[in-house]
Amino acid sequence: MPRVVVDVMLKPEILDPQGQAVQRALPRLGFEGITDVRQGKRFELEVEGPVDDAVLARVREMAETFLANTVIEDFTVRAAEPDPAPDAGAVA
């Protein structure tokens, strides 16, 4: 089925304590060189029929009114890339 992806992130000016906790933990786990982490949400919505402009507009409305708190969060809406077909010799 076709999917639409909504990515929701805190606005840059909003403090992200979860992202900061992850950023502080990474060096302790041996992962160096990461200077900032922002944590967000991702929604994948399966839709009936093709993903056209009307479907994307409806999902934007859904994101603005329900999936994101637009006072503190930004969001993007996009059609998901179709899953690649498995290689004939690949083991699933």
N, C-alpha and C. Protein backbone atom coordinates (compact mmCIF):
# COMPACT_ATOMS: atom_id res chain seq x y z
N MET A 1 0.83 -1.19 0.00
CA MET A 1 0.00 0.00 0.00
C MET A 1 0.87 1.25 0.00
N PRO A 2 0.43 2.30 -0.64
CA PRO A 2 1.18 3.56 -0.62
C PRO A 2 1.21 4.14 0.79
N ARG A 3 2.31 4.82 1.10
CA ARG A 3 2.47 5.42 2.42
C ARG A 3 2.87 6.88 2.31
N VAL A 4 2.47 7.63 3.32
CA VAL A 4 2.88 9.02 3.49
C VAL A 4 3.63 9.09 4.82
N VAL A 5 4.75 9.81 4.83
CA VAL A 5 5.56 9.94 6.04
C VAL A 5 5.45 11.36 6.56
N VAL A 6 5.21 11.48 7.86
CA VAL A 6 5.19 12.77 8.54
C VAL A 6 6.31 12.73 9.58
N ASP A 7 7.30 13.62 9.41
CA ASP A 7 8.38 13.76 10.38
C ASP A 7 8.10 15.01 11.21
N VAL A 8 8.14 14.84 12.54
CA VAL A 8 7.85 15.94 13.46
C VAL A 8 9.09 16.17 14.33
N MET A 9 9.54 17.42 14.36
CA MET A 9 10.72 17.78 15.16
C MET A 9 10.41 19.03 15.98
N LEU A 10 11.04 19.10 17.16
CA LEU A 10 10.93 20.33 17.93
C LEU A 10 11.54 21.47 17.13
N LYS A 11 10.95 22.65 17.24
CA LYS A 11 11.51 23.83 16.59
C LYS A 11 12.92 24.07 17.14
N PRO A 12 13.82 24.63 16.33
CA PRO A 12 15.21 24.80 16.77
C PRO A 12 15.37 25.57 18.08
N GLU A 13 14.48 26.51 18.33
CA GLU A 13 14.62 27.33 19.54
C GLU A 13 14.08 26.65 20.81
N ILE A 14 13.49 25.46 20.66
CA ILE A 14 12.92 24.74 21.80
C ILE A 14 13.96 23.77 22.36
N LEU A 15 14.17 23.81 23.68
CA LEU A 15 15.09 22.90 24.36
C LEU A 15 14.66 21.46 24.13
N ASP A 16 15.62 20.58 23.85
CA ASP A 16 15.35 19.16 23.60
C ASP A 16 16.10 18.31 24.63
N PRO A 17 15.54 18.09 25.82
CA PRO A 17 16.26 17.35 26.85
C PRO A 17 16.55 15.90 26.46
N GLN A 18 15.67 15.26 25.71
CA GLN A 18 15.94 13.88 25.28
C GLN A 18 17.12 13.85 24.32
N GLY A 19 17.15 14.77 23.38
CA GLY A 19 18.28 14.85 22.46
C GLY A 19 19.58 15.12 23.19
N GLN A 20 19.54 16.01 24.19
CA GLN A 20 20.74 16.32 24.95
C GLN A 20 21.22 15.11 25.74
N ALA A 21 20.30 14.33 26.30
CA ALA A 21 20.68 13.13 27.05
C ALA A 21 21.36 12.12 26.12
N VAL A 22 20.83 11.96 24.93
CA VAL A 22 21.44 11.05 23.96
C VAL A 22 22.82 11.56 23.57
N GLN A 23 22.93 12.85 23.30
CA GLN A 23 24.22 13.44 22.90
C GLN A 23 25.28 13.23 23.98
N ARG A 24 24.90 13.38 25.24
CA ARG A 24 25.85 13.19 26.34
C ARG A 24 26.24 11.72 26.51
N ALA A 25 25.33 10.80 26.19
CA ALA A 25 25.60 9.37 26.37
C ALA A 25 26.49 8.79 25.27
N LEU A 26 26.43 9.35 24.08
CA LEU A 26 27.16 8.77 22.95
C LEU A 26 28.67 8.61 23.20
N PRO A 27 29.38 9.63 23.70
CA PRO A 27 30.82 9.44 23.95
C PRO A 27 31.10 8.34 24.98
N ARG A 28 30.23 8.20 25.98
CA ARG A 28 30.42 7.14 26.98
C ARG A 28 30.28 5.76 26.35
N LEU A 29 29.55 5.69 25.24
CA LEU A 29 29.36 4.42 24.55
C LEU A 29 30.36 4.22 23.41
N GLY A 30 31.30 5.15 23.30
CA GLY A 30 32.35 5.01 22.29
C GLY A 30 32.05 5.68 20.97
N PHE A 31 31.00 6.47 20.88
CA PHE A 31 30.64 7.17 19.65
C PHE A 31 31.07 8.62 19.76
N GLU A 32 32.17 8.96 19.10
CA GLU A 32 32.74 10.30 19.19
C GLU A 32 32.34 11.14 17.98
N GLY A 33 32.47 12.46 18.11
CA GLY A 33 32.30 13.35 16.98
C GLY A 33 30.89 13.85 16.75
N ILE A 34 29.95 13.51 17.61
CA ILE A 34 28.57 13.99 17.46
C ILE A 34 28.44 15.24 18.33
N THR A 35 28.11 16.36 17.71
CA THR A 35 28.07 17.63 18.45
C THR A 35 26.67 18.03 18.89
N ASP A 36 25.63 17.44 18.30
CA ASP A 36 24.26 17.78 18.70
C ASP A 36 23.32 16.66 18.27
N VAL A 37 22.28 16.45 19.04
CA VAL A 37 21.25 15.46 18.72
C VAL A 37 19.90 16.11 18.97
N ARG A 38 18.99 15.97 18.02
CA ARG A 38 17.60 16.41 18.19
C ARG A 38 16.73 15.17 18.02
N GLN A 39 15.81 14.97 18.92
CA GLN A 39 14.94 13.80 18.89
C GLN A 39 13.58 14.22 18.35
N GLY A 40 12.96 13.36 17.55
CA GLY A 40 11.67 13.68 16.97
C GLY A 40 10.76 12.48 16.86
N LYS A 41 9.70 12.64 16.08
CA LYS A 41 8.72 11.57 15.87
C LYS A 41 8.55 11.37 14.37
N ARG A 42 8.23 10.14 13.99
CA ARG A 42 7.96 9.82 12.59
C ARG A 42 6.68 9.01 12.55
N PHE A 43 5.77 9.44 11.70
CA PHE A 43 4.51 8.73 11.48
C PHE A 43 4.51 8.21 10.05
N GLU A 44 4.17 6.96 9.86
CA GLU A 44 3.99 6.38 8.53
C GLU A 44 2.53 6.01 8.39
N LEU A 45 1.86 6.63 7.43
CA LEU A 45 0.42 6.40 7.24
C LEU A 45 0.21 5.67 5.92
N GLU A 46 -0.42 4.51 5.97
CA GLU A 46 -0.79 3.82 4.74
C GLU A 46 -2.10 4.41 4.25
N VAL A 47 -2.16 4.68 2.95
CA VAL A 47 -3.34 5.34 2.38
C VAL A 47 -3.93 4.47 1.27
N GLU A 48 -5.21 4.65 1.07
CA GLU A 48 -5.89 3.98 -0.03
C GLU A 48 -5.63 4.75 -1.31
N GLY A 49 -5.35 4.06 -2.37
CA GLY A 49 -5.15 4.72 -3.66
C GLY A 49 -3.82 5.41 -3.75
N PRO A 50 -3.59 6.12 -4.85
CA PRO A 50 -2.30 6.77 -5.07
C PRO A 50 -2.11 7.99 -4.17
N VAL A 51 -0.85 8.30 -3.91
CA VAL A 51 -0.50 9.49 -3.13
C VAL A 51 -0.43 10.66 -4.10
N ASP A 52 -1.48 11.48 -4.10
CA ASP A 52 -1.52 12.65 -4.97
C ASP A 52 -1.54 13.92 -4.12
N ASP A 53 -1.65 15.06 -4.76
CA ASP A 53 -1.64 16.34 -4.03
C ASP A 53 -2.78 16.43 -3.01
N ALA A 54 -3.94 15.88 -3.33
CA ALA A 54 -5.07 15.93 -2.40
C ALA A 54 -4.79 15.12 -1.15
N VAL A 55 -4.18 13.95 -1.31
CA VAL A 55 -3.84 13.11 -0.15
C VAL A 55 -2.80 13.81 0.70
N LEU A 56 -1.77 14.38 0.07
CA LEU A 56 -0.74 15.08 0.83
C LEU A 56 -1.31 16.29 1.57
N ALA A 57 -2.24 17.00 0.95
CA ALA A 57 -2.88 18.14 1.61
C ALA A 57 -3.68 17.69 2.82
N ARG A 58 -4.37 16.57 2.69
CA ARG A 58 -5.17 16.04 3.81
C ARG A 58 -4.26 15.60 4.96
N VAL A 59 -3.14 14.98 4.63
CA VAL A 59 -2.20 14.56 5.68
C VAL A 59 -1.56 15.79 6.33
N ARG A 60 -1.26 16.83 5.55
CA ARG A 60 -0.74 18.08 6.15
C ARG A 60 -1.74 18.64 7.16
N GLU A 61 -3.02 18.63 6.80
CA GLU A 61 -4.06 19.10 7.71
C GLU A 61 -4.08 18.24 8.97
N MET A 62 -3.96 16.94 8.79
CA MET A 62 -3.94 16.00 9.92
C MET A 62 -2.74 16.28 10.83
N ALA A 63 -1.59 16.53 10.22
CA ALA A 63 -0.38 16.80 11.00
C ALA A 63 -0.52 18.10 11.77
N GLU A 64 -1.06 19.11 11.11
CA GLU A 64 -1.19 20.43 11.74
C GLU A 64 -2.19 20.43 12.89
N THR A 65 -3.23 19.60 12.80
CA THR A 65 -4.27 19.63 13.83
C THR A 65 -4.13 18.52 14.88
N PHE A 66 -3.35 17.46 14.57
CA PHE A 66 -3.34 16.32 15.49
C PHE A 66 -1.95 15.73 15.75
N LEU A 67 -1.15 15.54 14.72
CA LEU A 67 0.11 14.82 14.88
C LEU A 67 1.23 15.69 15.46
N ALA A 68 1.19 16.99 15.23
CA ALA A 68 2.24 17.89 15.72
C ALA A 68 1.63 19.00 16.56
N ASN A 69 2.38 19.42 17.56
CA ASN A 69 2.02 20.61 18.33
C ASN A 69 2.74 21.77 17.66
N THR A 70 2.05 22.47 16.79
CA THR A 70 2.70 23.48 15.94
C THR A 70 3.22 24.70 16.71
N VAL A 71 2.90 24.80 17.98
CA VAL A 71 3.47 25.88 18.80
C VAL A 71 4.96 25.61 19.02
N ILE A 72 5.32 24.33 19.24
CA ILE A 72 6.71 23.99 19.55
C ILE A 72 7.35 23.04 18.54
N GLU A 73 6.58 22.53 17.57
CA GLU A 73 7.11 21.55 16.63
C GLU A 73 6.89 21.98 15.18
N ASP A 74 7.83 21.59 14.34
CA ASP A 74 7.70 21.71 12.89
C ASP A 74 7.45 20.32 12.34
N PHE A 75 6.88 20.24 11.14
CA PHE A 75 6.67 18.92 10.53
C PHE A 75 6.87 19.01 9.03
N THR A 76 7.19 17.86 8.44
CA THR A 76 7.25 17.72 6.99
C THR A 76 6.40 16.53 6.60
N VAL A 77 5.81 16.62 5.42
CA VAL A 77 4.96 15.56 4.88
C VAL A 77 5.52 15.18 3.52
N ARG A 78 5.68 13.87 3.28
CA ARG A 78 6.18 13.43 1.98
C ARG A 78 5.66 12.03 1.67
N ALA A 79 5.59 11.73 0.40
CA ALA A 79 5.25 10.37 -0.02
C ALA A 79 6.45 9.49 0.28
N ALA A 80 6.20 8.31 0.82
CA ALA A 80 7.28 7.37 1.12
C ALA A 80 7.79 6.76 -0.17
N GLU A 81 9.07 6.50 -0.20
CA GLU A 81 9.65 5.79 -1.33
C GLU A 81 9.13 4.36 -1.31
N PRO A 82 8.80 3.81 -2.46
CA PRO A 82 8.34 2.42 -2.47
C PRO A 82 9.47 1.50 -2.02
N ASP A 83 9.10 0.42 -1.33
CA ASP A 83 10.08 -0.55 -0.90
C ASP A 83 10.74 -1.18 -2.12
N PRO A 84 12.08 -1.29 -2.11
CA PRO A 84 12.74 -1.89 -3.26
C PRO A 84 12.40 -3.37 -3.38
N ALA A 85 12.33 -3.83 -4.60
CA ALA A 85 12.06 -5.25 -4.84
C ALA A 85 13.28 -6.05 -4.37
N PRO A 86 13.06 -7.18 -3.69
CA PRO A 86 14.20 -7.97 -3.23
C PRO A 86 14.96 -8.58 -4.42
N ASP A 87 16.26 -8.72 -4.25
CA ASP A 87 17.07 -9.37 -5.30
C ASP A 87 16.64 -10.82 -5.43
N ALA A 88 16.74 -11.34 -6.63
CA ALA A 88 16.32 -12.72 -6.88
C ALA A 88 17.09 -13.71 -6.00
N GLY A 89 18.36 -13.43 -5.74
CA GLY A 89 19.17 -14.36 -4.93
C GLY A 89 19.23 -14.01 -3.47
N ALA A 90 18.54 -12.97 -3.05
CA ALA A 90 18.61 -12.52 -1.65
C ALA A 90 17.81 -13.44 -0.76
N VAL A 91 18.30 -13.60 0.45
CA VAL A 91 17.60 -14.41 1.46
C VAL A 91 16.86 -13.45 2.37
N ALA A 92 15.57 -13.67 2.55
CA ALA A 92 14.76 -12.78 3.38
C ALA A 92 14.75 -13.20 4.81
